[in-house]
């Protein structure tokens, strides 16, 4: 089985480095936005326990996106809710 040839930071092109930085900043920003929303939002407006969503929001892009899509209750989502 052949070893994968991994590049070090110095071996990467400037465009690849910039891409990693942009993706990293985006990931951190999304995680911070999810953590802030969890802190500010009442538990009654969150599907499931807040502590579980806090931990899940730490998982790369998947956790915060999962929280924003599945974790927050949407107003008027219940049957018969006033519009």
PDB file of N, CA and C in Angstrom:
ATOM      1  N   UNK A   1       0.838  -1.160   0.000  1.00  0.00           N
ATOM      2  CA  UNK A   1       0.000   0.000   0.000  1.00  0.00           C
ATOM      3  C   UNK A   1       0.897   1.242   0.000  1.00  0.00           C
ATOM      4  N   UNK A   2       0.670   2.117  -0.951  1.00  0.00           N
ATOM      5  CA  UNK A   2       1.497   3.314  -1.089  1.00  0.00           C
ATOM      6  C   UNK A   2       1.076   4.381  -0.081  1.00  0.00           C
ATOM      7  N   UNK A   3       2.091   5.131   0.387  1.00  0.00           N
ATOM      8  CA  UNK A   3       1.804   6.235   1.306  1.00  0.00           C
ATOM      9  C   UNK A   3       1.263   7.417   0.528  1.00  0.00           C
ATOM     10  N   UNK A   4       0.337   8.131   1.131  1.00  0.00           N
ATOM     11  CA  UNK A   4      -0.187   9.333   0.489  1.00  0.00           C
ATOM     12  C   UNK A   4       0.837  10.446   0.653  1.00  0.00           C
ATOM     13  N   UNK A   5       1.019  11.210  -0.403  1.00  0.00           N
ATOM     14  CA  UNK A   5       1.970  12.306  -0.374  1.00  0.00           C
ATOM     15  C   UNK A   5       1.271  13.558   0.140  1.00  0.00           C
ATOM     16  N   UNK A   6       1.505  13.877   1.404  1.00  0.00           N
ATOM     17  CA  UNK A   6       0.887  15.059   1.998  1.00  0.00           C
ATOM     18  C   UNK A   6       1.841  16.233   1.864  1.00  0.00           C
ATOM     19  N   UNK A   7       1.283  17.392   1.532  1.00  0.00           N
ATOM     20  CA  UNK A   7       2.094  18.592   1.412  1.00  0.00           C
ATOM     21  C   UNK A   7       2.116  19.337   2.740  1.00  0.00           C
ATOM     22  N   UNK A   8       3.262  19.928   3.034  1.00  0.00           N
ATOM     23  CA  UNK A   8       3.340  20.787   4.205  1.00  0.00           C
ATOM     24  C   UNK A   8       2.809  22.161   3.820  1.00  0.00           C
ATOM     25  N   UNK A   9       2.637  23.023   4.829  1.00  0.00           N
ATOM     26  CA  UNK A   9       2.128  24.377   4.584  1.00  0.00           C
ATOM     27  C   UNK A   9       3.036  25.111   3.597  1.00  0.00           C
ATOM     28  N   UNK A  10       4.337  24.951   3.748  1.00  0.00           N
ATOM     29  CA  UNK A  10       5.301  25.644   2.875  1.00  0.00           C
ATOM     30  C   UNK A  10       5.245  25.133   1.438  1.00  0.00           C
ATOM     31  N   UNK A  11       4.858  23.892   1.258  1.00  0.00           N
ATOM     32  CA  UNK A  11       4.791  23.309  -0.087  1.00  0.00           C
ATOM     33  C   UNK A  11       3.501  23.667  -0.824  1.00  0.00           C
ATOM     34  N   UNK A  12       2.518  24.178  -0.121  1.00  0.00           N
ATOM     35  CA  UNK A  12       1.233  24.511  -0.745  1.00  0.00           C
ATOM     36  C   UNK A  12       1.342  25.805  -1.532  1.00  0.00           C
ATOM     37  N   UNK A  13       0.543  25.902  -2.574  1.00  0.00           N
ATOM     38  CA  UNK A  13       0.514  27.130  -3.370  1.00  0.00           C
ATOM     39  C   UNK A  13      -0.168  28.238  -2.558  1.00  0.00           C
ATOM     40  N   UNK A  14       0.110  29.501  -2.900  1.00  0.00           N
ATOM     41  CA  UNK A  14      -0.562  30.601  -2.192  1.00  0.00           C
ATOM     42  C   UNK A  14      -2.086  30.518  -2.285  1.00  0.00           C
ATOM     43  N   UNK A  15      -2.615  30.069  -3.414  1.00  0.00           N
ATOM     44  CA  UNK A  15      -4.068  29.943  -3.563  1.00  0.00           C
ATOM     45  C   UNK A  15      -4.616  28.869  -2.619  1.00  0.00           C
ATOM     46  N   UNK A  16      -3.904  27.758  -2.483  1.00  0.00           N
ATOM     47  CA  UNK A  16      -4.344  26.691  -1.582  1.00  0.00           C
ATOM     48  C   UNK A  16      -4.294  27.160  -0.129  1.00  0.00           C
ATOM     49  N   UNK A  17      -3.243  27.894   0.218  1.00  0.00           N
ATOM     50  CA  UNK A  17      -3.149  28.436   1.576  1.00  0.00           C
ATOM     51  C   UNK A  17      -4.308  29.385   1.862  1.00  0.00           C
ATOM     52  N   UNK A  18      -4.587  30.267   0.913  1.00  0.00           N
ATOM     53  CA  UNK A  18      -5.686  31.226   1.084  1.00  0.00           C
ATOM     54  C   UNK A  18      -7.014  30.491   1.233  1.00  0.00           C
ATOM     55  N   UNK A  19      -7.203  29.439   0.447  1.00  0.00           N
ATOM     56  CA  UNK A  19      -8.429  28.648   0.545  1.00  0.00           C
ATOM     57  C   UNK A  19      -8.596  28.029   1.922  1.00  0.00           C
ATOM     58  N   UNK A  20      -7.512  27.479   2.468  1.00  0.00           N
ATOM     59  CA  UNK A  20      -7.579  26.898   3.807  1.00  0.00           C
ATOM     60  C   UNK A  20      -7.909  27.954   4.851  1.00  0.00           C
ATOM     61  N   UNK A  21      -7.319  29.139   4.726  1.00  0.00           N
ATOM     62  CA  UNK A  21      -7.577  30.212   5.687  1.00  0.00           C
ATOM     63  C   UNK A  21      -9.037  30.650   5.613  1.00  0.00           C
ATOM     64  N   UNK A  22      -9.554  30.836   4.395  1.00  0.00           N
ATOM     65  CA  UNK A  22     -10.947  31.269   4.221  1.00  0.00           C
ATOM     66  C   UNK A  22     -11.910  30.224   4.782  1.00  0.00           C
ATOM     67  N   UNK A  23     -11.662  28.963   4.481  1.00  0.00           N
ATOM     68  CA  UNK A  23     -12.519  27.891   4.990  1.00  0.00           C
ATOM     69  C   UNK A  23     -12.448  27.829   6.517  1.00  0.00           C
ATOM     70  N   UNK A  24     -11.253  27.982   7.064  1.00  0.00           N
ATOM     71  CA  UNK A  24     -11.093  27.967   8.520  1.00  0.00           C
ATOM     72  C   UNK A  24     -11.837  29.104   9.195  1.00  0.00           C
ATOM     73  N   UNK A  25     -11.729  30.308   8.620  1.00  0.00           N
ATOM     74  CA  UNK A  25     -12.441  31.461   9.179  1.00  0.00           C
ATOM     75  C   UNK A  25     -13.952  31.250   9.087  1.00  0.00           C
ATOM     76  N   UNK A  26     -14.410  30.714   7.959  1.00  0.00           N
ATOM     77  CA  UNK A  26     -15.840  30.438   7.795  1.00  0.00           C
ATOM     78  C   UNK A  26     -16.343  29.430   8.807  1.00  0.00           C
ATOM     79  N   UNK A  27     -15.546  28.392   9.049  1.00  0.00           N
ATOM     80  CA  UNK A  27     -15.938  27.363  10.009  1.00  0.00           C
ATOM     81  C   UNK A  27     -16.028  27.937  11.418  1.00  0.00           C
ATOM     82  N   UNK A  28     -15.047  28.728  11.810  1.00  0.00           N
ATOM     83  CA  UNK A  28     -15.056  29.324  13.149  1.00  0.00           C
ATOM     84  C   UNK A  28     -16.224  30.303  13.291  1.00  0.00           C
ATOM     85  N   UNK A  29     -16.467  31.107  12.259  1.00  0.00           N
ATOM     86  CA  UNK A  29     -17.572  32.076  12.310  1.00  0.00           C
ATOM     87  C   UNK A  29     -18.920  31.367  12.447  1.00  0.00           C
ATOM     88  N   UNK A  30     -19.107  30.286  11.705  1.00  0.00           N
ATOM     89  CA  UNK A  30     -20.358  29.524  11.779  1.00  0.00           C
ATOM     90  C   UNK A  30     -20.531  28.904  13.166  1.00  0.00           C
ATOM     91  N   UNK A  31     -19.445  28.368  13.714  1.00  0.00           N
ATOM     92  CA  UNK A  31     -19.500  27.768  15.043  1.00  0.00           C
ATOM     93  C   UNK A  31     -19.820  28.818  16.104  1.00  0.00           C
ATOM     94  N   UNK A  32     -19.182  29.994  16.010  1.00  0.00           N
ATOM     95  CA  UNK A  32     -19.455  31.062  16.979  1.00  0.00           C
ATOM     96  C   UNK A  32     -20.892  31.569  16.865  1.00  0.00           C
ATOM     97  N   UNK A  33     -21.395  31.675  15.642  1.00  0.00           N
ATOM     98  CA  UNK A  33     -22.779  32.116  15.447  1.00  0.00           C
ATOM     99  C   UNK A  33     -23.753  31.118  16.068  1.00  0.00           C
ATOM    100  N   UNK A  34     -23.480  29.825  15.894  1.00  0.00           N
ATOM    101  CA  UNK A  34     -24.355  28.803  16.479  1.00  0.00           C
ATOM    102  C   UNK A  34     -24.292  28.854  18.002  1.00  0.00           C
ATOM    103  N   UNK A  35     -23.089  28.976  18.560  1.00  0.00           N
ATOM    104  CA  UNK A  35     -22.947  29.025  20.017  1.00  0.00           C
ATOM    105  C   UNK A  35     -23.657  30.251  20.593  1.00  0.00           C
ATOM    106  N   UNK A  36     -23.539  31.373  19.915  1.00  0.00           N
ATOM    107  CA  UNK A  36     -24.196  32.604  20.385  1.00  0.00           C
ATOM    108  C   UNK A  36     -25.722  32.452  20.324  1.00  0.00           C
ATOM    109  N   UNK A  37     -26.212  31.857  19.223  1.00  0.00           N
ATOM    110  CA  UNK A  37     -27.653  31.670  19.088  1.00  0.00           C
ATOM    111  C   UNK A  37     -28.182  30.733  20.170  1.00  0.00           C
ATOM    112  N   UNK A  38     -27.432  29.682  20.458  1.00  0.00           N
ATOM    113  CA  UNK A  38     -27.845  28.742  21.507  1.00  0.00           C
ATOM    114  C   UNK A  38     -27.898  29.459  22.860  1.00  0.00           C
ATOM    115  N   UNK A  39     -26.934  30.330  23.113  1.00  0.00           N
ATOM    116  CA  UNK A  39     -26.904  31.066  24.384  1.00  0.00           C
ATOM    117  C   UNK A  39     -28.075  32.023  24.524  1.00  0.00           C
ATOM    118  N   UNK A  40     -28.408  32.720  23.457  1.00  0.00           N
ATOM    119  CA  UNK A  40     -29.440  33.761  23.503  1.00  0.00           C
ATOM    120  C   UNK A  40     -30.863  33.211  23.403  1.00  0.00           C
ATOM    121  N   UNK A  41     -31.033  32.085  22.731  1.00  0.00           N
ATOM    122  CA  UNK A  41     -32.367  31.544  22.473  1.00  0.00           C
ATOM    123  C   UNK A  41     -32.886  30.773  23.694  1.00  0.00           C
ATOM    124  N   UNK A  42     -34.131  31.010  24.103  1.00  0.00           N
ATOM    125  CA  UNK A  42     -34.714  30.245  25.217  1.00  0.00           C
ATOM    126  C   UNK A  42     -34.791  28.748  24.880  1.00  0.00           C
ATOM    127  N   UNK A  43     -34.660  27.917  25.894  1.00  0.00           N
ATOM    128  CA  UNK A  43     -34.689  26.465  25.694  1.00  0.00           C
ATOM    129  C   UNK A  43     -35.983  26.007  25.035  1.00  0.00           C
ATOM    130  N   UNK A  44     -37.070  26.721  25.259  1.00  0.00           N
ATOM    131  CA  UNK A  44     -38.359  26.353  24.667  1.00  0.00           C
ATOM    132  C   UNK A  44     -38.360  26.512  23.147  1.00  0.00           C
ATOM    133  N   UNK A  45     -37.423  27.279  22.620  1.00  0.00           N
ATOM    134  CA  UNK A  45     -37.351  27.498  21.174  1.00  0.00           C
ATOM    135  C   UNK A  45     -36.300  26.622  20.503  1.00  0.00           C
ATOM    136  N   UNK A  46     -35.762  25.642  21.232  1.00  0.00           N
ATOM    137  CA  UNK A  46     -34.738  24.747  20.694  1.00  0.00           C
ATOM    138  C   UNK A  46     -35.243  23.314  20.774  1.00  0.00           C
ATOM    139  N   UNK A  47     -35.075  22.573  19.697  1.00  0.00           N
ATOM    140  CA  UNK A  47     -35.436  21.154  19.672  1.00  0.00           C
ATOM    141  C   UNK A  47     -34.343  20.369  20.389  1.00  0.00           C
ATOM    142  N   UNK A  48     -34.665  19.770  21.513  1.00  0.00           N
ATOM    143  CA  UNK A  48     -33.688  18.994  22.261  1.00  0.00           C
ATOM    144  C   UNK A  48     -32.954  19.839  23.284  1.00  0.00           C
ATOM    145  N   UNK A  49     -32.067  19.197  24.043  1.00  0.00           N
ATOM    146  CA  UNK A  49     -31.351  19.913  25.096  1.00  0.00           C
ATOM    147  C   UNK A  49     -30.293  20.872  24.541  1.00  0.00           C
ATOM    148  N   UNK A  50     -30.187  22.038  25.159  1.00  0.00           N
ATOM    149  CA  UNK A  50     -29.209  23.041  24.727  1.00  0.00           C
ATOM    150  C   UNK A  50     -27.782  22.496  24.827  1.00  0.00           C
ATOM    151  N   UNK A  51     -27.500  21.733  25.877  1.00  0.00           N
ATOM    152  CA  UNK A  51     -26.147  21.201  26.076  1.00  0.00           C
ATOM    153  C   UNK A  51     -25.735  20.291  24.916  1.00  0.00           C
ATOM    154  N   UNK A  52     -26.666  19.486  24.441  1.00  0.00           N
ATOM    155  CA  UNK A  52     -26.361  18.594  23.315  1.00  0.00           C
ATOM    156  C   UNK A  52     -26.062  19.399  22.054  1.00  0.00           C
ATOM    157  N   UNK A  53     -26.809  20.471  21.818  1.00  0.00           N
ATOM    158  CA  UNK A  53     -26.563  21.312  20.642  1.00  0.00           C
ATOM    159  C   UNK A  53     -25.258  22.078  20.783  1.00  0.00           C
ATOM    160  N   UNK A  54     -24.893  22.444  22.013  1.00  0.00           N
ATOM    161  CA  UNK A  54     -23.604  23.121  22.217  1.00  0.00           C
ATOM    162  C   UNK A  54     -22.453  22.217  21.786  1.00  0.00           C
ATOM    163  N   UNK A  55     -22.512  20.959  22.208  1.00  0.00           N
ATOM    164  CA  UNK A  55     -21.461  20.002  21.844  1.00  0.00           C
ATOM    165  C   UNK A  55     -21.496  19.727  20.344  1.00  0.00           C
ATOM    166  N   UNK A  56     -22.675  19.509  19.795  1.00  0.00           N
ATOM    167  CA  UNK A  56     -22.802  19.211  18.364  1.00  0.00           C
ATOM    168  C   UNK A  56     -22.300  20.363  17.507  1.00  0.00           C
ATOM    169  N   UNK A  57     -22.490  21.593  17.968  1.00  0.00           N
ATOM    170  CA  UNK A  57     -22.073  22.763  17.192  1.00  0.00           C
ATOM    171  C   UNK A  57     -20.557  22.888  17.107  1.00  0.00           C
ATOM    172  N   UNK A  58     -19.826  22.093  17.865  1.00  0.00           N
ATOM    173  CA  UNK A  58     -18.365  22.111  17.808  1.00  0.00           C
ATOM    174  C   UNK A  58     -17.813  21.221  16.695  1.00  0.00           C
ATOM    175  N   UNK A  59     -18.661  20.444  16.049  1.00  0.00           N
ATOM    176  CA  UNK A  59     -18.221  19.488  15.030  1.00  0.00           C
ATOM    177  C   UNK A  59     -18.192  20.158  13.660  1.00  0.00           C
ATOM    178  N   UNK A  60     -17.007  20.529  13.222  1.00  0.00           N
ATOM    179  CA  UNK A  60     -16.774  21.130  11.899  1.00  0.00           C
ATOM    180  C   UNK A  60     -17.956  21.952  11.400  1.00  0.00           C
ATOM    181  N   UNK A  61     -18.266  21.823  10.121  1.00  0.00           N
ATOM    182  CA  UNK A  61     -19.386  22.557   9.531  1.00  0.00           C
ATOM    183  C   UNK A  61     -20.714  21.860   9.822  1.00  0.00           C
ATOM    184  N   UNK A  62     -20.671  20.562  10.004  1.00  0.00           N
ATOM    185  CA  UNK A  62     -21.885  19.758  10.155  1.00  0.00           C
ATOM    186  C   UNK A  62     -22.686  20.150  11.397  1.00  0.00           C
ATOM    187  N   UNK A  63     -22.025  20.326  12.525  1.00  0.00           N
ATOM    188  CA  UNK A  63     -22.717  20.640  13.771  1.00  0.00           C
ATOM    189  C   UNK A  63     -23.491  21.949  13.727  1.00  0.00           C
ATOM    190  N   UNK A  64     -22.817  23.072  13.392  1.00  0.00           N
ATOM    191  CA  UNK A  64     -23.559  24.337  13.339  1.00  0.00           C
ATOM    192  C   UNK A  64     -24.663  24.341  12.287  1.00  0.00           C
ATOM    193  N   UNK A  65     -24.399  23.752  11.128  1.00  0.00           N
ATOM    194  CA  UNK A  65     -25.443  23.713  10.094  1.00  0.00           C
ATOM    195  C   UNK A  65     -26.608  22.850  10.565  1.00  0.00           C
ATOM    196  N   UNK A  66     -26.304  21.744  11.222  1.00  0.00           N
ATOM    197  CA  UNK A  66     -27.360  20.897  11.769  1.00  0.00           C
ATOM    198  C   UNK A  66     -28.203  21.636  12.787  1.00  0.00           C
ATOM    199  N   UNK A  67     -27.536  22.431  13.623  1.00  0.00           N
ATOM    200  CA  UNK A  67     -28.286  23.213  14.613  1.00  0.00           C
ATOM    201  C   UNK A  67     -29.201  24.218  13.927  1.00  0.00           C
ATOM    202  N   UNK A  68     -28.675  24.971  12.971  1.00  0.00           N
ATOM    203  CA  UNK A  68     -29.492  25.996  12.318  1.00  0.00           C
ATOM    204  C   UNK A  68     -30.640  25.384  11.512  1.00  0.00           C
ATOM    205  N   UNK A  69     -30.455  24.184  10.994  1.00  0.00           N
ATOM    206  CA  UNK A  69     -31.509  23.540  10.194  1.00  0.00           C
ATOM    207  C   UNK A  69     -32.491  22.763  11.079  1.00  0.00           C
ATOM    208  N   UNK A  70     -31.968  21.997  12.033  1.00  0.00           N
ATOM    209  CA  UNK A  70     -32.816  21.091  12.820  1.00  0.00           C
ATOM    210  C   UNK A  70     -33.035  21.519  14.270  1.00  0.00           C
ATOM    211  N   UNK A  71     -32.117  22.269  14.830  1.00  0.00           N
ATOM    212  CA  UNK A  71     -32.155  22.554  16.256  1.00  0.00           C
ATOM    213  C   UNK A  71     -33.082  23.666  16.680  1.00  0.00           C
ATOM    214  N   UNK A  72     -33.338  24.605  15.787  1.00  0.00           N
ATOM    215  CA  UNK A  72     -34.176  25.748  16.164  1.00  0.00           C
ATOM    216  C   UNK A  72     -35.622  25.496  15.766  1.00  0.00           C
ATOM    217  N   UNK A  73     -36.515  25.790  16.688  1.00  0.00           N
ATOM    218  CA  UNK A  73     -37.941  25.695  16.370  1.00  0.00           C
ATOM    219  C   UNK A  73     -38.325  26.936  15.588  1.00  0.00           C
ATOM    220  N   UNK A  74     -39.098  26.743  14.539  1.00  0.00           N
ATOM    221  CA  UNK A  74     -39.525  27.864  13.706  1.00  0.00           C
ATOM    222  C   UNK A  74     -40.875  28.372  14.185  1.00  0.00           C
ATOM    223  N   UNK A  75     -41.037  29.679  14.267  1.00  0.00           N
ATOM    224  CA  UNK A  75     -42.339  30.209  14.680  1.00  0.00           C
ATOM    225  C   UNK A  75     -43.411  29.848  13.660  1.00  0.00           C
ATOM    226  N   UNK A  76     -44.552  29.435  14.140  1.00  0.00           N
ATOM    227  CA  UNK A  76     -45.650  29.076  13.248  1.00  0.00           C
ATOM    228  C   UNK A  76     -45.520  27.690  12.645  1.00  0.00           C
ATOM    229  N   UNK A  77     -44.556  26.906  13.103  1.00  0.00           N
ATOM    230  CA  UNK A  77     -44.366  25.571  12.545  1.00  0.00           C
ATOM    231  C   UNK A  77     -45.391  24.579  13.093  1.00  0.00           C
ATOM    232  N   UNK A  78     -46.016  24.910  14.215  1.00  0.00           N
ATOM    233  CA  UNK A  78     -47.011  24.017  14.807  1.00  0.00           C
ATOM    234  C   UNK A  78     -48.331  24.128  14.061  1.00  0.00           C
ATOM    235  N   UNK A  79     -49.087  23.080  14.087  1.00  0.00           N
ATOM    236  CA  UNK A  79     -50.408  23.108  13.470  1.00  0.00           C
ATOM    237  C   UNK A  79     -51.304  24.056  14.243  1.00  0.00           C
ATOM    238  N   UNK A  80     -52.017  24.875  13.543  1.00  0.00           N
ATOM    239  CA  UNK A  80     -52.956  25.786  14.167  1.00  0.00           C
ATOM    240  C   UNK A  80     -52.321  27.014  14.793  1.00  0.00           C
ATOM    241  N   UNK A  81     -51.035  27.221  14.544  1.00  0.00           N
ATOM    242  CA  UNK A  81     -50.371  28.395  15.125  1.00  0.00           C
ATOM    243  C   UNK A  81     -50.844  29.658  14.427  1.00  0.00           C
ATOM    244  N   UNK A  82     -50.946  30.728  15.181  1.00  0.00           N
ATOM    245  CA  UNK A  82     -51.391  32.019  14.616  1.00  0.00           C
ATOM    246  C   UNK A  82     -50.333  32.565  13.672  1.00  0.00           C
ATOM    247  N   UNK A  83     -50.789  33.181  12.609  1.00  0.00           N
ATOM    248  CA  UNK A  83     -49.849  33.755  11.639  1.00  0.00           C
ATOM    249  C   UNK A  83     -49.765  35.243  11.789  1.00  0.00           C
TER     250      UNK A  83
END
